C-alpha atoms as a PDB file:
ATOM      1  CA  UNK A   1       6.219  15.247  13.874  1.00  0.00           C
ATOM      2  CA  UNK A   2       3.793  12.430  13.439  1.00  0.00           C
ATOM      3  CA  UNK A   3       0.784  14.843  13.014  1.00  0.00           C
ATOM      4  CA  UNK A   4       2.878  16.752  10.181  1.00  0.00           C
ATOM      5  CA  UNK A   5       3.665  13.773   8.335  1.00  0.00           C
ATOM      6  CA  UNK A   6       0.051  12.208   8.784  1.00  0.00           C
ATOM      7  CA  UNK A   7      -1.301  15.281   7.062  1.00  0.00           C
ATOM      8  CA  UNK A   8       1.506  14.659   4.377  1.00  0.00           C
ATOM      9  CA  UNK A   9       0.380  11.111   4.010  1.00  0.00           C
ATOM     10  CA  UNK A  10      -3.432  11.975   3.522  1.00  0.00           C
ATOM     11  CA  UNK A  11      -4.768  10.975  -0.077  1.00  0.00           C
ATOM     12  CA  UNK A  12      -3.491   8.244  -2.390  1.00  0.00           C
ATOM     13  CA  UNK A  13      -0.397   6.392  -1.651  1.00  0.00           C
ATOM     14  CA  UNK A  14       0.457   3.744  -4.370  1.00  0.00           C
ATOM     15  CA  UNK A  15       1.787   0.389  -3.267  1.00  0.00           C
ATOM     16  CA  UNK A  16       4.209   0.200  -6.228  1.00  0.00           C
ATOM     17  CA  UNK A  17       4.825  -3.001  -7.928  1.00  0.00           C
ATOM     18  CA  UNK A  18       8.303  -4.221  -8.547  1.00  0.00           C
ATOM     19  CA  UNK A  19       8.991  -4.726 -12.302  1.00  0.00           C
ATOM     20  CA  UNK A  20      11.067  -7.880 -13.406  1.00  0.00           C
ATOM     21  CA  UNK A  21      12.512  -8.846 -16.824  1.00  0.00           C
ATOM     22  CA  UNK A  22      11.446 -12.332 -18.269  1.00  0.00           C
ATOM     23  CA  UNK A  23      14.462 -13.532 -16.544  1.00  0.00           C
ATOM     24  CA  UNK A  24      12.964 -12.306 -13.103  1.00  0.00           C
ATOM     25  CA  UNK A  25      15.992  -9.887 -12.834  1.00  0.00           C
ATOM     26  CA  UNK A  26      14.536  -6.231 -11.676  1.00  0.00           C
ATOM     27  CA  UNK A  27      13.564  -4.119 -14.819  1.00  0.00           C
ATOM     28  CA  UNK A  28      14.991  -0.772 -13.412  1.00  0.00           C
ATOM     29  CA  UNK A  29      13.758   1.067 -16.382  1.00  0.00           C
ATOM     30  CA  UNK A  30      10.496  -0.077 -16.040  1.00  0.00           C
ATOM     31  CA  UNK A  31      10.670   0.940 -12.533  1.00  0.00           C
ATOM     32  CA  UNK A  32      11.458   4.388 -13.641  1.00  0.00           C
ATOM     33  CA  UNK A  33       8.593   4.439 -16.016  1.00  0.00           C
ATOM     34  CA  UNK A  34       6.373   3.440 -13.262  1.00  0.00           C
ATOM     35  CA  UNK A  35       7.243   6.004 -10.831  1.00  0.00           C
ATOM     36  CA  UNK A  36       6.952   8.863 -13.562  1.00  0.00           C
ATOM     37  CA  UNK A  37       3.472   7.661 -14.426  1.00  0.00           C
ATOM     38  CA  UNK A  38       2.531   8.031 -10.773  1.00  0.00           C
ATOM     39  CA  UNK A  39       4.001  11.647 -10.430  1.00  0.00           C
ATOM     40  CA  UNK A  40       2.743  12.817 -13.909  1.00  0.00           C
ATOM     41  CA  UNK A  41      -0.812  11.577 -12.823  1.00  0.00           C
ATOM     42  CA  UNK A  42      -1.341  13.047  -9.356  1.00  0.00           C
ATOM     43  CA  UNK A  43      -0.756  10.595  -6.472  1.00  0.00           C
ATOM     44  CA  UNK A  44       0.077  11.944  -3.128  1.00  0.00           C
ATOM     45  CA  UNK A  45       2.991   9.569  -1.950  1.00  0.00           C
ATOM     46  CA  UNK A  46       4.685   6.166  -3.089  1.00  0.00           C
ATOM     47  CA  UNK A  47       4.903   3.040  -0.962  1.00  0.00           C
ATOM     48  CA  UNK A  48       7.917   0.893  -1.627  1.00  0.00           C
ATOM     49  CA  UNK A  49       8.558  -2.642  -0.992  1.00  0.00           C
ATOM     50  CA  UNK A  50       5.374  -3.604   0.462  1.00  0.00           C
ATOM     51  CA  UNK A  51       3.442  -6.747  -0.328  1.00  0.00           C
ATOM     52  CA  UNK A  52       2.615  -5.637  -3.903  1.00  0.00           C
ATOM     53  CA  UNK A  53       6.462  -5.064  -4.516  1.00  0.00           C
ATOM     54  CA  UNK A  54       6.927  -8.545  -3.564  1.00  0.00           C
ATOM     55  CA  UNK A  55       9.468  -7.787  -0.867  1.00  0.00           C
ATOM     56  CA  UNK A  56       9.821 -11.483   0.447  1.00  0.00           C
ATOM     57  CA  UNK A  57      11.265 -12.416  -2.778  1.00  0.00           C
ATOM     58  CA  UNK A  58      13.768  -9.693  -3.105  1.00  0.00           C
ATOM     59  CA  UNK A  59      17.329  -9.577  -1.648  1.00  0.00           C
ATOM     60  CA  UNK A  60      18.699  -6.641   0.871  1.00  0.00           C
ATOM     61  CA  UNK A  61      20.827  -5.730  -2.206  1.00  0.00           C
ATOM     62  CA  UNK A  62      18.184  -5.442  -4.637  1.00  0.00           C
ATOM     63  CA  UNK A  63      15.905  -3.694  -1.989  1.00  0.00           C
ATOM     64  CA  UNK A  64      18.603  -0.797  -1.789  1.00  0.00           C
ATOM     65  CA  UNK A  65      18.942  -0.918  -5.574  1.00  0.00           C
ATOM     66  CA  UNK A  66      15.076  -0.353  -5.758  1.00  0.00           C
ATOM     67  CA  UNK A  67      15.100   2.325  -3.243  1.00  0.00           C
ATOM     68  CA  UNK A  68      18.004   4.273  -4.909  1.00  0.00           C
ATOM     69  CA  UNK A  69      16.267   4.012  -8.343  1.00  0.00           C
ATOM     70  CA  UNK A  70      13.028   5.376  -6.887  1.00  0.00           C
ATOM     71  CA  UNK A  71      14.545   8.036  -5.016  1.00  0.00           C
ATOM     72  CA  UNK A  72      16.396   9.240  -7.876  1.00  0.00           C
ATOM     73  CA  UNK A  73      13.396   9.208 -10.218  1.00  0.00           C
ATOM     74  CA  UNK A  74      11.213  10.905  -7.706  1.00  0.00           C
ATOM     75  CA  UNK A  75      13.559  13.580  -6.868  1.00  0.00           C
ATOM     76  CA  UNK A  76      12.035  14.584  -4.100  1.00  0.00           C
ATOM     77  CA  UNK A  77       8.479  15.440  -5.602  1.00  0.00           C
ATOM     78  CA  UNK A  78       6.493  13.036  -3.528  1.00  0.00           C
ATOM     79  CA  UNK A  79       6.677  11.628  -0.109  1.00  0.00           C
ATOM     80  CA  UNK A  80       8.033   8.007   0.050  1.00  0.00           C
ATOM     81  CA  UNK A  81       6.914   5.313   2.594  1.00  0.00           C
ATOM     82  CA  UNK A  82       9.127   2.116   2.916  1.00  0.00           C
ATOM     83  CA  UNK A  83       7.911  -1.360   4.077  1.00  0.00           C
ATOM     84  CA  UNK A  84       9.999  -2.845   6.890  1.00  0.00           C
ATOM     85  CA  UNK A  85       8.010  -5.781   8.728  1.00  0.00           C
ATOM     86  CA  UNK A  86       8.015  -9.403   9.462  1.00  0.00           C
ATOM     87  CA  UNK A  87       7.491 -12.175  11.891  1.00  0.00           C
ATOM     88  CA  UNK A  88      10.754 -11.659  13.951  1.00  0.00           C
ATOM     89  CA  UNK A  89      10.223  -8.356  16.269  1.00  0.00           C
ATOM     90  CA  UNK A  90      14.049  -8.070  17.138  1.00  0.00           C
ATOM     91  CA  UNK A  91      15.209  -8.502  13.767  1.00  0.00           C
ATOM     92  CA  UNK A  92      12.626  -6.067  12.114  1.00  0.00           C
ATOM     93  CA  UNK A  93      13.908  -3.463  14.590  1.00  0.00           C
ATOM     94  CA  UNK A  94      17.389  -3.911  13.630  1.00  0.00           C
ATOM     95  CA  UNK A  95      16.482  -3.593  10.171  1.00  0.00           C
ATOM     96  CA  UNK A  96      14.605  -0.266  10.712  1.00  0.00           C
ATOM     97  CA  UNK A  97      17.791   0.790  12.573  1.00  0.00           C
ATOM     98  CA  UNK A  98      20.200   0.075   9.792  1.00  0.00           C
ATOM     99  CA  UNK A  99      18.039   0.853   6.781  1.00  0.00           C
ATOM    100  CA  UNK A 100      19.095   3.921   4.531  1.00  0.00           C
ATOM    101  CA  UNK A 101      16.033   5.979   5.337  1.00  0.00           C
ATOM    102  CA  UNK A 102      17.377   9.279   3.486  1.00  0.00           C
ATOM    103  CA  UNK A 103      14.354  10.855   2.207  1.00  0.00           C
ATOM    104  CA  UNK A 104      11.720   8.491   3.479  1.00  0.00           C
ATOM    105  CA  UNK A 105       9.034   9.936   5.511  1.00  0.00           C
ATOM    106  CA  UNK A 106       7.503   6.963   7.306  1.00  0.00           C
ATOM    107  CA  UNK A 107       7.928   3.067   7.789  1.00  0.00           C
ATOM    108  CA  UNK A 108       4.792   0.691   6.664  1.00  0.00           C
ATOM    109  CA  UNK A 109       5.008  -2.565   9.068  1.00  0.00           C
ATOM    110  CA  UNK A 110       2.884  -5.171   8.666  1.00  0.00           C
ATOM    111  CA  UNK A 111       1.549  -7.427  11.491  1.00  0.00           C
ATOM    112  CA  UNK A 112       3.552 -10.309  12.232  1.00  0.00           C
ATOM    113  CA  UNK A 113       2.455 -13.307  10.113  1.00  0.00           C
ATOM    114  CA  UNK A 114       2.565 -17.064  10.178  1.00  0.00           C
ATOM    115  CA  UNK A 115       3.207 -17.056  13.909  1.00  0.00           C
ATOM    116  CA  UNK A 116      -0.218 -15.587  14.831  1.00  0.00           C
ATOM    117  CA  UNK A 117       0.510 -13.488  17.986  1.00  0.00           C
ATOM    118  CA  UNK A 118      -2.308 -12.764  20.347  1.00  0.00           C
ATOM    119  CA  UNK A 119      -3.654  -9.145  20.985  1.00  0.00           C
ATOM    120  CA  UNK A 120      -0.949  -8.596  23.630  1.00  0.00           C
ATOM    121  CA  UNK A 121       1.968 -10.012  21.469  1.00  0.00           C
ATOM    122  CA  UNK A 122       0.940  -7.691  18.675  1.00  0.00           C
ATOM    123  CA  UNK A 123       0.701  -4.974  21.097  1.00  0.00           C
ATOM    124  CA  UNK A 124       4.381  -5.590  22.450  1.00  0.00           C
ATOM    125  CA  UNK A 125       5.611  -6.089  18.965  1.00  0.00           C
ATOM    126  CA  UNK A 126       4.483  -2.785  17.681  1.00  0.00           C
ATOM    127  CA  UNK A 127       5.341  -0.828  20.739  1.00  0.00           C
ATOM    128  CA  UNK A 128       8.870  -2.408  20.648  1.00  0.00           C
ATOM    129  CA  UNK A 129       9.362  -1.246  16.916  1.00  0.00           C
ATOM    130  CA  UNK A 130       7.780   2.075  17.543  1.00  0.00           C
ATOM    131  CA  UNK A 131      10.377   2.686  20.384  1.00  0.00           C
ATOM    132  CA  UNK A 132      13.315   1.550  18.359  1.00  0.00           C
ATOM    133  CA  UNK A 133      12.253   3.136  14.903  1.00  0.00           C
ATOM    134  CA  UNK A 134      14.024   6.085  13.737  1.00  0.00           C
ATOM    135  CA  UNK A 135      10.844   7.265  11.743  1.00  0.00           C
ATOM    136  CA  UNK A 136       7.243   7.209  12.480  1.00  0.00           C
ATOM    137  CA  UNK A 137       5.622   3.897  11.877  1.00  0.00           C
ATOM    138  CA  UNK A 138       2.309   3.173  10.064  1.00  0.00           C
ATOM    139  CA  UNK A 139       0.603  -0.095  11.293  1.00  0.00           C
ATOM    140  CA  UNK A 140      -0.546  -2.687   8.749  1.00  0.00           C
ATOM    141  CA  UNK A 141      -3.511  -4.915   9.292  1.00  0.00           C
ATOM    142  CA  UNK A 142      -4.211  -7.413   6.939  1.00  0.00           C
ATOM    143  CA  UNK A 143      -5.538 -10.602   8.354  1.00  0.00           C
ATOM    144  CA  UNK A 144      -6.038 -12.281   5.100  1.00  0.00           C
ATOM    145  CA  UNK A 145      -2.315 -12.512   4.595  1.00  0.00           C
ATOM    146  CA  UNK A 146      -1.084 -12.642   8.287  1.00  0.00           C
ATOM    147  CA  UNK A 147      -3.391 -15.065   9.901  1.00  0.00           C
ATOM    148  CA  UNK A 148      -4.585 -12.718  12.579  1.00  0.00           C
ATOM    149  CA  UNK A 149      -6.360  -9.511  13.201  1.00  0.00           C
ATOM    150  CA  UNK A 150      -5.174  -6.476  15.053  1.00  0.00           C
ATOM    151  CA  UNK A 151      -8.018  -5.823  16.971  1.00  0.00           C
ATOM    152  CA  UNK A 152      -9.957  -2.289  17.467  1.00  0.00           C
ATOM    153  CA  UNK A 153      -8.802  -2.209  21.100  1.00  0.00           C
ATOM    154  CA  UNK A 154      -5.262  -3.095  20.072  1.00  0.00           C
ATOM    155  CA  UNK A 155      -5.056  -0.339  17.400  1.00  0.00           C
ATOM    156  CA  UNK A 156      -6.399   2.252  19.575  1.00  0.00           C
ATOM    157  CA  UNK A 157      -3.783   1.423  22.266  1.00  0.00           C
ATOM    158  CA  UNK A 158      -0.919   1.899  19.706  1.00  0.00           C
ATOM    159  CA  UNK A 159      -2.408   4.812  18.484  1.00  0.00           C
ATOM    160  CA  UNK A 160      -1.378   6.640  21.661  1.00  0.00           C
ATOM    161  CA  UNK A 161       2.141   5.978  21.015  1.00  0.00           C
ATOM    162  CA  UNK A 162       3.868   9.136  19.679  1.00  0.00           C
ATOM    163  CA  UNK A 163       5.903   7.287  16.882  1.00  0.00           C
ATOM    164  CA  UNK A 164       2.844   5.483  15.437  1.00  0.00           C
ATOM    165  CA  UNK A 165       1.123   7.801  13.022  1.00  0.00           C
ATOM    166  CA  UNK A 166      -1.833   5.795  11.735  1.00  0.00           C
ATOM    167  CA  UNK A 167      -2.953   2.441  10.487  1.00  0.00           C
ATOM    168  CA  UNK A 168      -3.298   0.758   6.840  1.00  0.00           C
ATOM    169  CA  UNK A 169      -6.366  -1.063   7.583  1.00  0.00           C
ATOM    170  CA  UNK A 170      -7.091  -4.183   5.039  1.00  0.00           C
ATOM    171  CA  UNK A 171      -8.880  -6.069   7.481  1.00  0.00           C
ATOM    172  CA  UNK A 172     -12.325  -5.355   5.203  1.00  0.00           C
ATOM    173  CA  UNK A 173     -14.222  -5.215   8.551  1.00  0.00           C
ATOM    174  CA  UNK A 174     -16.343  -2.268   8.485  1.00  0.00           C
ATOM    175  CA  UNK A 175     -17.499  -2.633  12.164  1.00  0.00           C
ATOM    176  CA  UNK A 176     -13.996  -2.487  13.174  1.00  0.00           C
ATOM    177  CA  UNK A 177     -12.994   0.340  11.045  1.00  0.00           C
ATOM    178  CA  UNK A 178     -15.851   2.652  12.150  1.00  0.00           C
ATOM    179  CA  UNK A 179     -14.880   1.917  15.696  1.00  0.00           C
ATOM    180  CA  UNK A 180     -11.288   2.983  15.100  1.00  0.00           C
ATOM    181  CA  UNK A 181     -12.522   5.926  13.284  1.00  0.00           C
ATOM    182  CA  UNK A 182     -14.812   6.885  16.085  1.00  0.00           C
ATOM    183  CA  UNK A 183     -12.528   6.401  18.981  1.00  0.00           C
ATOM    184  CA  UNK A 184      -8.939   7.429  17.172  1.00  0.00           C
ATOM    185  CA  UNK A 185      -6.828  10.475  18.686  1.00  0.00           C
ATOM    186  CA  UNK A 186      -7.239  13.382  16.420  1.00  0.00           C
ATOM    187  CA  UNK A 187      -3.844  13.057  14.855  1.00  0.00           C
ATOM    188  CA  UNK A 188      -3.835   9.282  14.211  1.00  0.00           C
ATOM    189  CA  UNK A 189      -4.358   8.231  10.289  1.00  0.00           C
ATOM    190  CA  UNK A 190      -6.922   5.744   9.456  1.00  0.00           C
ATOM    191  CA  UNK A 191      -5.709   4.477   5.632  1.00  0.00           C
ATOM    192  CA  UNK A 192      -7.662   2.182   3.414  1.00  0.00           C
ATOM    193  CA  UNK A 193      -5.935  -1.177   2.273  1.00  0.00           C
ATOM    194  CA  UNK A 194      -8.689  -2.321   0.217  1.00  0.00           C
ATOM    195  CA  UNK A 195      -9.106  -0.444  -3.294  1.00  0.00           C
ATOM    196  CA  UNK A 196     -12.650  -1.410  -3.912  1.00  0.00           C
ATOM    197  CA  UNK A 197     -14.015  -0.438  -0.334  1.00  0.00           C
ATOM    198  CA  UNK A 198     -11.984   3.080  -0.486  1.00  0.00           C
ATOM    199  CA  UNK A 199     -14.986   5.184  -1.773  1.00  0.00           C
ATOM    200  CA  UNK A 200     -17.374   3.860   1.246  1.00  0.00           C
ATOM    201  CA  UNK A 201     -14.616   4.140   3.538  1.00  0.00           C
ATOM    202  CA  UNK A 202     -13.773   7.764   2.896  1.00  0.00           C
ATOM    203  CA  UNK A 203     -17.553   8.661   3.648  1.00  0.00           C
ATOM    204  CA  UNK A 204     -16.900   7.080   7.060  1.00  0.00           C
ATOM    205  CA  UNK A 205     -13.931   9.271   7.688  1.00  0.00           C
ATOM    206  CA  UNK A 206     -11.073   7.701   6.621  1.00  0.00           C
ATOM    207  CA  UNK A 207      -7.561   9.714   5.406  1.00  0.00           C
ATOM    208  CA  UNK A 208      -6.922   8.006   2.140  1.00  0.00           C
ATOM    209  CA  UNK A 209      -5.562   4.989   0.829  1.00  0.00           C
ATOM    210  CA  UNK A 210      -2.491   2.485   0.019  1.00  0.00           C
ATOM    211  CA  UNK A 211      -3.613   1.496  -3.220  1.00  0.00           C
ATOM    212  CA  UNK A 212      -2.860  -1.406  -6.047  1.00  0.00           C
ATOM    213  CA  UNK A 213      -4.982  -0.248  -8.900  1.00  0.00           C
ATOM    214  CA  UNK A 214      -3.510   3.194  -8.831  1.00  0.00           C
ATOM    215  CA  UNK A 215      -0.511   1.715 -10.509  1.00  0.00           C
ATOM    216  CA  UNK A 216      -2.168   1.592 -13.660  1.00  0.00           C
ATOM    217  CA  UNK A 217      -4.731   4.306 -13.132  1.00  0.00           C
ATOM    218  CA  UNK A 218      -3.387   6.865 -10.731  1.00  0.00           C
ATOM    219  CA  UNK A 219      -5.237   9.727 -12.146  1.00  0.00           C
ATOM    220  CA  UNK A 220      -8.887   8.394 -12.002  1.00  0.00           C
ATOM    221  CA  UNK A 221      -8.291   6.806  -8.757  1.00  0.00           C
ATOM    222  CA  UNK A 222      -6.754   9.781  -7.203  1.00  0.00           C
ATOM    223  CA  UNK A 223      -9.241  12.118  -8.301  1.00  0.00           C
ATOM    224  CA  UNK A 224     -11.960   9.515  -6.681  1.00  0.00           C
ATOM    225  CA  UNK A 225     -10.121   9.622  -3.575  1.00  0.00           C
ATOM    226  CA  UNK A 226      -9.769  13.686  -3.434  1.00  0.00           C
ATOM    227  CA  UNK A 227     -13.662  13.992  -4.615  1.00  0.00           C
ATOM    228  CA  UNK A 228     -14.185  11.568  -1.393  1.00  0.00           C
ATOM    229  CA  UNK A 229     -11.985  13.555   1.049  1.00  0.00           C
ATOM    230  CA  UNK A 230     -13.683  16.779   0.206  1.00  0.00           C
ATOM    231  CA  UNK A 231     -17.088  15.290   1.097  1.00  0.00           C
ATOM    232  CA  UNK A 232     -18.363  14.881  -2.571  1.00  0.00           C
ATOM    233  CA  UNK A 233     -19.068  11.137  -2.709  1.00  0.00           C
ATOM    234  CA  UNK A 234     -21.830  11.627  -5.359  1.00  0.00           C
ATOM    235  CA  UNK A 235     -19.427  12.850  -7.742  1.00  0.00           C
ATOM    236  CA  UNK A 236     -16.627  10.221  -6.795  1.00  0.00           C
ATOM    237  CA  UNK A 237     -18.951   7.480  -7.250  1.00  0.00           C
ATOM    238  CA  UNK A 238     -18.956   7.344 -11.040  1.00  0.00           C
ATOM    239  CA  UNK A 239     -15.004   7.086 -11.065  1.00  0.00           C
ATOM    240  CA  UNK A 240     -15.276   4.322  -8.157  1.00  0.00           C
ATOM    241  CA  UNK A 241     -17.661   2.302 -10.544  1.00  0.00           C
ATOM    242  CA  UNK A 242     -15.321   2.712 -13.507  1.00  0.00           C
ATOM    243  CA  UNK A 243     -12.540   1.006 -11.995  1.00  0.00           C
ATOM    244  CA  UNK A 244     -14.774  -1.437  -9.577  1.00  0.00           C
ATOM    245  CA  UNK A 245     -14.479  -4.497 -11.761  1.00  0.00           C
ATOM    246  CA  UNK A 246     -10.638  -4.073 -12.391  1.00  0.00           C
ATOM    247  CA  UNK A 247     -10.272  -3.475  -8.526  1.00  0.00           C
ATOM    248  CA  UNK A 248     -11.704  -6.740  -7.738  1.00  0.00           C
ATOM    249  CA  UNK A 249     -10.199  -8.736 -10.946  1.00  0.00           C
ATOM    250  CA  UNK A 250      -6.778  -7.884  -9.944  1.00  0.00           C
ATOM    251  CA  UNK A 251      -7.141  -9.959  -6.800  1.00  0.00           C
ATOM    252  CA  UNK A 252      -8.941 -12.799  -8.486  1.00  0.00           C
ATOM    253  CA  UNK A 253      -5.902 -14.963  -8.973  1.00  0.00           C
ATOM    254  CA  UNK A 254      -2.943 -13.461  -6.875  1.00  0.00           C
ATOM    255  CA  UNK A 255      -1.590 -10.120  -6.640  1.00  0.00           C
ATOM    256  CA  UNK A 256       0.340  -8.365  -8.079  1.00  0.00           C
ATOM    257  CA  UNK A 257      -0.023 -10.739 -11.105  1.00  0.00           C
ATOM    258  CA  UNK A 258      -3.370  -9.077 -11.956  1.00  0.00           C
ATOM    259  CA  UNK A 259      -2.343  -5.445 -11.952  1.00  0.00           C
ATOM    260  CA  UNK A 260       1.058  -6.516 -14.018  1.00  0.00           C
ATOM    261  CA  UNK A 261      -1.570  -7.500 -16.754  1.00  0.00           C
ATOM    262  CA  UNK A 262      -2.828  -4.172 -16.932  1.00  0.00           C
ATOM    263  CA  UNK A 263       0.561  -2.376 -16.563  1.00  0.00           C
ATOM    264  CA  UNK A 264       1.787  -4.642 -19.548  1.00  0.00           C
ATOM    265  CA  UNK A 265      -1.073  -3.629 -21.873  1.00  0.00           C
ATOM    266  CA  UNK A 266      -0.213  -0.234 -20.797  1.00  0.00           C
ATOM    267  CA  UNK A 267       3.623  -0.544 -21.794  1.00  0.00           C
ATOM    268  CA  UNK A 268       4.676   0.184 -18.478  1.00  0.00           C
ATOM    269  CA  UNK A 269       6.079  -3.044 -17.145  1.00  0.00           C
ATOM    270  CA  UNK A 270       5.954  -6.872 -17.926  1.00  0.00           C
ATOM    271  CA  UNK A 271       3.746  -9.417 -16.235  1.00  0.00           C
ATOM    272  CA  UNK A 272       6.738 -11.407 -14.564  1.00  0.00           C
ATOM    273  CA  UNK A 273       6.076 -12.249 -11.038  1.00  0.00           C
ATOM    274  CA  UNK A 274       8.913 -14.067  -8.842  1.00  0.00           C
ATOM    275  CA  UNK A 275       8.166 -17.851  -7.311  1.00  0.00           C
ATOM    276  CA  UNK A 276       6.355 -18.758  -5.481  1.00  0.00           C
ATOM    277  CA  UNK A 277       3.752 -16.418  -7.109  1.00  0.00           C
ATOM    278  CA  UNK A 278       2.569 -17.515 -10.730  1.00  0.00           C
ATOM    279  CA  UNK A 279       0.792 -15.544 -13.740  1.00  0.00           C
ATOM    280  CA  UNK A 280      -2.658 -15.226 -13.694  1.00  0.00           C
ATOM    281  CA  UNK A 281      -4.922 -17.523 -15.395  1.00  0.00           C
ATOM    282  CA  UNK A 282      -5.929 -17.044 -18.863  1.00  0.00           C
ATOM    283  CA  UNK A 283      -9.648 -16.518 -17.987  1.00  0.00           C
ATOM    284  CA  UNK A 284      -8.542 -13.645 -15.467  1.00  0.00           C
ATOM    285  CA  UNK A 285      -6.046 -12.196 -17.909  1.00  0.00           C
ATOM    286  CA  UNK A 286      -8.827 -12.081 -20.525  1.00  0.00           C
ATOM    287  CA  UNK A 287     -11.117 -10.396 -18.423  1.00  0.00           C
ATOM    288  CA  UNK A 288      -8.627  -7.992 -17.236  1.00  0.00           C
ATOM    289  CA  UNK A 289      -7.814  -6.975 -20.755  1.00  0.00           C
ATOM    290  CA  UNK A 290     -11.334  -6.634 -21.174  1.00  0.00           C
ATOM    291  CA  UNK A 291     -11.660  -4.180 -18.351  1.00  0.00           C
ATOM    292  CA  UNK A 292      -8.797  -2.064 -20.036  1.00  0.00           C
ATOM    293  CA  UNK A 293     -10.961  -2.010 -23.232  1.00  0.00           C
ATOM    294  CA  UNK A 294     -14.064  -0.943 -21.370  1.00  0.00           C
ATOM    295  CA  UNK A 295     -12.121   1.631 -19.422  1.00  0.00           C
ATOM    296  CA  UNK A 296     -10.694   3.177 -22.600  1.00  0.00           C
ATOM    297  CA  UNK A 297     -14.231   3.545 -24.125  1.00  0.00           C
ATOM    298  CA  UNK A 298     -15.418   5.679 -21.408  1.00  0.00           C
END
């Protein structure tokens, strides 16, 4: 099962933003527009309620409404991955068991944050979740947010679990990523969690990306990823370069505030983020709007 799903999730996944109205309520019409934008422009799958979706600020009832809206708009056209993670192992396992998972292919689960477990703790956390989860799990290593790294050794041990299909690697550590790629089991997917590093990571053998920039530029980014997966990194490079400035700027003053600036300019959704996040600075917003102009001129 894990092998079939890992092949299904090869390519470009989009970590969907959650659009809000100015009063911070969920903008469901904009959410539908965003999903349609992805489907119409060739992404491979959708990732719901991850970090980019501001999941820590969204209630259980809101999460269900978001999931229902995306499922209806998607109508079975693209695979769906749902984010369920946290720092309380037993609570996360219970959430996985009781979550409405109809139409979901896999669960993306971030490594525990704030409490900074050692490697043995991370290993036990994910093993417990994988044993309990009704769907395959994708590990998510993002030390810049969690405060701890899932080591190469821990990742490879977890890769042996039949209910763990892959990892989203956002460590930015080329040596670690290369070691995982070199030593992983054949059916274990390694997915980039860094938009700006995806082009070189594809050359090293990664299976794709879970992307933020693809919210706004799904076709350009997906085309770059497909070329890279097909071994044509030379043809992929101009597309990478076309988006490089934007890929860096959207994280310059907090995410997803940056990508929402671009999405607003495209008429897809507003820039509102929920506290404790805040709008990006005027200087970053100006730079992002300039990126849009430059991209449109190409």
